[in-house]
Protein backbone atom coordinates (compact mmCIF):
# COMPACT_ATOMS: atom_id res chain seq x y z
CA MET A 1 -0.32 0.01 -0.02
CA ILE A 2 2.85 2.34 0.99
CA LYS A 3 6.39 2.58 -0.29
CA LEU A 4 8.54 5.33 0.67
CA SER A 5 12.47 5.09 -0.58
CA LYS A 6 15.07 7.31 0.71
CA VAL A 7 12.61 9.85 1.63
CA SER A 8 14.30 13.34 3.25
CA TYR A 9 12.25 16.17 3.95
CA TYR A 10 13.74 19.95 5.08
CA PHE A 11 12.34 22.79 7.02
CA ASP A 12 14.45 25.69 5.29
CA GLU A 13 17.47 23.86 5.92
CA GLN A 14 17.18 21.96 8.60
CA LYS A 15 16.73 18.46 7.56
CA VAL A 16 13.72 16.35 9.63
CA LEU A 17 13.47 13.18 7.71
CA ASP A 18 16.71 11.80 6.49
CA GLY A 19 16.87 8.96 3.85
CA VAL A 20 13.56 7.18 5.36
CA GLY A 21 12.91 3.94 3.60
CA VAL A 22 9.17 2.03 4.56
CA ASN A 23 7.08 -0.19 3.20
CA VAL A 24 3.66 -0.49 4.66
CA GLN A 25 1.17 -3.42 3.68
CA LYS A 26 -2.79 -3.30 3.59
CA GLY A 27 -4.09 -4.33 6.62
CA GLU A 28 -0.96 -3.72 8.99
CA LYS A 29 -1.18 -1.60 12.28
CA VAL A 30 2.28 -0.17 12.61
CA ALA A 31 3.87 1.99 15.33
CA LEU A 32 5.94 4.90 14.23
CA LEU A 33 8.05 5.30 17.41
CA GLY A 34 10.15 8.09 18.47
CA CYS A 35 11.00 10.86 21.07
CA ASN A 36 9.47 14.54 20.50
CA GLY A 37 11.17 16.28 17.25
CA SER A 38 12.31 12.85 15.64
CA GLY A 39 10.40 13.58 12.56
CA LYS A 40 7.04 11.19 13.45
CA SER A 41 4.65 14.05 12.50
CA THR A 42 6.38 15.17 9.66
CA LEU A 43 6.31 11.53 8.55
CA LEU A 44 2.70 11.37 8.53
CA ARG A 45 2.06 14.62 6.84
CA VAL A 46 4.24 13.17 3.85
CA ILE A 47 2.25 10.11 3.90
CA ALA A 48 -0.94 11.78 4.00
CA GLY A 49 -0.02 14.34 0.93
CA LEU A 50 0.34 17.38 3.12
CA TYR A 51 4.04 17.59 2.52
CA PHE A 52 5.81 16.29 -0.50
CA VAL A 53 9.20 14.77 -0.20
CA LYS A 54 12.48 16.77 -1.06
CA GLU A 55 14.32 13.54 -1.90
CA GLY A 56 13.50 10.21 -2.64
CA SER A 57 10.34 8.99 -3.89
CA TYR A 58 6.68 7.95 -2.02
CA SER A 59 3.95 5.68 -3.63
CA PHE A 60 0.28 4.85 -2.40
CA LEU A 61 -1.42 2.21 -4.03
CA GLY A 62 1.43 1.85 -6.68
CA LYS A 63 0.96 5.28 -7.58
CA GLU A 64 3.70 8.17 -6.85
CA VAL A 65 2.30 10.86 -4.66
CA LYS A 66 3.52 14.37 -6.02
CA ARG A 67 1.64 17.64 -5.82
CA LYS A 68 0.17 17.60 -8.97
CA SER A 69 -0.97 13.94 -8.46
CA ILE A 70 -3.40 14.68 -5.30
CA ASP A 71 -6.70 14.27 -6.11
CA ILE A 72 -9.97 13.33 -4.32
CA ASN A 73 -9.68 9.70 -4.59
CA PHE A 74 -6.51 10.02 -2.45
CA ARG A 75 -7.99 12.43 -0.15
CA LYS A 76 -10.68 10.04 0.45
CA SER A 77 -8.52 7.18 0.89
CA VAL A 78 -6.14 8.68 3.66
CA GLY A 79 -7.23 10.06 7.08
CA ILE A 80 -5.15 11.77 9.37
CA LEU A 81 -5.81 12.71 13.15
CA PHE A 82 -3.52 15.46 14.21
CA GLN A 83 -2.25 15.47 17.67
CA ASN A 84 -4.26 18.80 18.63
CA PRO A 85 -7.92 18.30 17.75
CA GLU A 86 -8.74 21.58 17.78
CA SER A 87 -6.62 22.46 14.75
CA MET A 88 -8.71 20.19 12.55
CA ILE A 89 -12.11 22.02 14.03
CA PHE A 90 -13.86 24.47 12.00
CA ASN A 91 -17.64 23.95 11.85
CA PRO A 92 -20.27 25.19 14.30
CA SER A 93 -21.69 22.15 15.62
CA VAL A 94 -20.50 18.70 15.90
CA LYS A 95 -23.17 17.50 13.33
CA ASP A 96 -21.78 20.00 10.95
CA GLU A 97 -18.16 18.58 11.60
CA ILE A 98 -18.80 15.09 10.89
CA ALA A 99 -20.96 16.19 7.80
CA PHE A 100 -18.35 18.31 6.51
CA SER A 101 -16.12 15.77 4.60
CA LEU A 102 -19.06 13.65 3.32
CA ARG A 103 -20.30 16.52 1.58
CA GLU A 104 -16.57 17.12 0.00
CA PHE A 105 -16.66 13.57 -0.98
CA ASN A 106 -20.36 13.58 -2.52
CA PHE A 107 -21.68 10.90 -0.52
CA ASP A 108 -25.32 9.97 -0.45
CA ASN A 109 -27.21 9.97 2.83
CA ILE A 110 -24.93 11.88 5.02
CA GLU A 111 -27.84 12.57 7.51
CA LYS A 112 -28.01 8.94 8.22
CA ARG A 113 -24.47 8.31 7.81
CA VAL A 114 -23.62 11.11 10.61
CA ALA A 115 -26.62 9.53 12.65
CA GLN A 116 -24.76 6.14 12.57
CA ILE A 117 -21.26 7.28 13.35
CA ALA A 118 -22.55 9.24 16.11
CA LYS A 119 -24.12 5.87 17.55
CA SER A 120 -21.18 4.11 17.28
CA PHE A 121 -19.04 6.52 18.79
CA GLU A 122 -21.71 7.12 21.65
CA ILE A 123 -21.62 11.18 20.99
CA GLU A 124 -25.52 11.34 19.81
CA HIS A 125 -26.06 13.87 22.56
CA LEU A 126 -23.21 16.00 21.38
CA LEU A 127 -24.33 16.53 17.80
CA PRO A 128 -25.58 19.93 18.07
CA LYS A 129 -22.93 21.23 20.13
CA ASN A 130 -20.13 23.44 19.42
CA PRO A 131 -17.11 21.13 19.29
CA LEU A 132 -14.94 24.03 20.57
CA TYR A 133 -16.44 23.74 24.23
CA LEU A 134 -16.25 19.87 24.50
CA SER A 135 -13.51 18.43 26.55
CA GLY A 136 -10.23 16.93 24.96
CA GLY A 137 -11.36 13.36 25.17
CA GLU A 138 -14.91 14.44 23.47
CA LYS A 139 -13.17 16.63 20.39
CA GLN A 140 -10.84 13.56 19.86
CA LYS A 141 -13.61 11.24 19.68
CA ILE A 142 -15.47 13.81 17.05
CA MET A 143 -12.23 14.38 14.91
CA LEU A 144 -12.12 10.63 14.93
CA ALA A 145 -15.69 10.11 13.78
CA SER A 146 -15.41 12.62 11.37
CA ILE A 147 -12.57 11.06 9.78
CA LEU A 148 -13.77 7.34 9.98
CA ALA A 149 -17.39 8.52 8.34
CA TYR A 150 -15.56 8.75 5.03
CA GLU A 151 -14.18 5.01 5.38
CA PRO A 152 -10.62 5.86 4.36
CA GLN A 153 -8.39 2.87 3.48
CA LEU A 154 -5.49 4.02 5.40
CA LEU A 155 -5.59 5.74 9.12
CA LEU A 156 -2.82 7.99 10.26
CA LEU A 157 -2.62 9.07 13.95
CA ASP A 158 -0.58 11.59 15.77
CA GLU A 159 -0.29 10.80 19.69
CA PRO A 160 -4.05 10.05 19.49
CA THR A 161 -4.36 9.48 23.43
CA ALA A 162 -1.80 12.33 24.31
CA SER A 163 -4.30 14.84 25.47
CA VAL A 164 -7.34 12.70 26.74
CA ASP A 165 -8.40 11.10 29.92
CA PRO A 166 -7.97 7.32 31.11
CA ARG A 167 -11.26 6.50 29.84
CA THR A 168 -11.31 7.87 26.56
CA SER A 169 -7.42 6.51 26.25
CA GLY A 170 -8.81 2.78 26.69
CA TRP A 171 -11.85 3.51 24.52
CA ILE A 172 -9.46 4.42 21.61
CA ILE A 173 -7.43 1.44 22.03
CA ASP A 174 -10.24 -0.73 22.02
CA MET A 175 -11.76 1.05 18.83
CA LEU A 176 -8.63 0.53 17.14
CA LEU A 177 -7.70 -2.85 17.99
CA GLU A 178 -11.32 -3.69 16.46
CA LEU A 179 -10.95 -1.54 13.23
CA ASP A 180 -10.05 -3.19 10.16
CA LYS A 181 -7.94 -0.80 8.80
CA THR A 182 -4.50 0.12 7.60
CA ILE A 183 -3.05 2.12 10.67
CA ILE A 184 -0.06 3.77 11.37
CA LEU A 185 0.08 5.11 14.76
CA ALA A 186 2.83 7.92 15.89
CA THR A 187 3.74 8.09 19.25
CA HIS A 188 6.37 7.88 21.92
CA ASP A 189 3.98 6.31 24.56
CA LEU A 190 5.11 2.45 24.22
CA ALA A 191 2.39 0.95 26.13
CA LEU A 192 -0.01 2.51 23.70
CA ALA A 193 1.96 0.87 20.71
CA TYR A 194 2.34 -2.27 22.23
CA GLU A 195 -1.39 -2.48 22.88
CA VAL A 196 -2.21 -1.59 19.33
CA CYS A 197 0.74 -2.91 16.91
CA SER A 198 2.43 -5.77 16.14
CA ARG A 199 5.17 -3.73 13.89
CA ALA A 200 7.19 -0.91 15.10
CA ILE A 201 9.33 1.36 12.93
CA VAL A 202 11.72 3.50 15.08
CA LEU A 203 12.94 7.18 14.73
CA ASP A 204 16.09 8.27 16.07
CA GLU A 205 16.87 11.92 17.01
CA LYS A 206 19.04 12.29 13.90
CA HIS A 207 15.53 11.41 11.79
CA LYS A 208 16.63 7.97 10.30
CA VAL A 209 15.10 4.83 10.61
CA ILE A 210 17.13 2.44 13.31
CA TYR A 211 14.38 -0.40 13.61
CA ASP A 212 11.61 -1.77 11.16
CA GLY A 213 10.65 -5.08 12.51
CA ASP A 214 8.19 -6.90 15.32
CA MET A 215 7.23 -4.96 18.38
CA GLU A 216 7.89 -8.02 20.92
CA VAL A 217 11.69 -7.93 19.65
CA LEU A 218 11.97 -4.43 19.90
CA PHE A 219 10.84 -4.38 23.46
CA GLU A 220 14.14 -6.68 24.24
CA ASP A 221 16.09 -4.58 22.34
CA LEU A 222 17.58 -2.19 25.03
CA GLU A 223 20.46 -0.47 22.74
CA THR A 224 17.97 0.70 20.15
CA LEU A 225 15.46 1.97 22.76
CA ILE A 226 17.97 4.16 24.45
CA LYS A 227 19.50 5.45 21.18
CA ALA A 228 15.92 6.51 20.14
CA ASN A 229 15.37 8.07 23.59
CA LEU A 230 12.11 5.96 24.38
CA ILE A 231 13.30 4.53 27.51
CA HIS A 232 15.38 6.65 30.49
CA LYS A 233 17.17 5.90 33.38
CA HIS A 234 16.40 7.92 36.98
CA LYS A 235 16.76 7.22 40.68
CA HIS A 236 13.91 5.89 42.74
CA LYS A 237 13.16 4.05 45.72
CA HIS A 238 12.31 0.96 46.93
CA LYS A 239 11.43 1.09 50.49
CA SER A 240 14.76 2.48 51.74
CA PHE A 241 16.88 1.45 48.87
CA LEU A 242 17.92 3.87 46.51
CA HIS A 243 18.92 2.68 43.16
CA SER A 244 18.62 3.50 39.44
CA HIS A 245 17.84 1.60 36.23
CA TYR A 246 16.00 2.18 32.85
CA HIS A 247 12.21 2.43 32.66
CA LYS A 248 9.98 1.54 29.65
CA HIS A 249 6.95 2.94 31.57
CA PHE A 250 4.22 0.57 31.01
């Protein structure tokens, strides 16, 4: 489904992706891991066709993605959820927010589709409300509903549980586990990645891929986790005994 070959991206003169090569097959659930600033969000935006590669190439469903090649079929096939849901909200009601993309993509029976997705997300009571005045967890649910309403083939998620409460975080994990879609989940939360994904791609602080493989194997690879700044060492007490070691923080 996705093929990135030696992809690099720059902001001005600063390189934020360096020679990234990644293939993702249809139906995979892949965790894109790395510390803040490693390039995870930038890579998601490249895959979503929001940024365009400076070096290398990117193909989606066998077709190279360039600025001039982006069309409505591509936009309909790829859904991206940003880390801050407020940056995606611009409609006066939850109902309008969910319906917006359905109208853009010329769906029929929009009212029925909005009602169905609202029921499945348990947000029917929120439909008439202004989404900007809702909680962080409610906003995240609404934006996920807005994306999944138009049934994209590929779902890109940027730190989807970063600003939500534990109950909503658990709901998001359960939903992703049940979802029959190709998913790329960008996070530095190892517990979330482990719960949802069987494959991990790791970016280091030099914006390079340093691991691409089985999630279980990665969790035994202390050297890679340290190099990617995904685990850390600090002092703590066990009763009266003070010591330090590396933590994965599950």
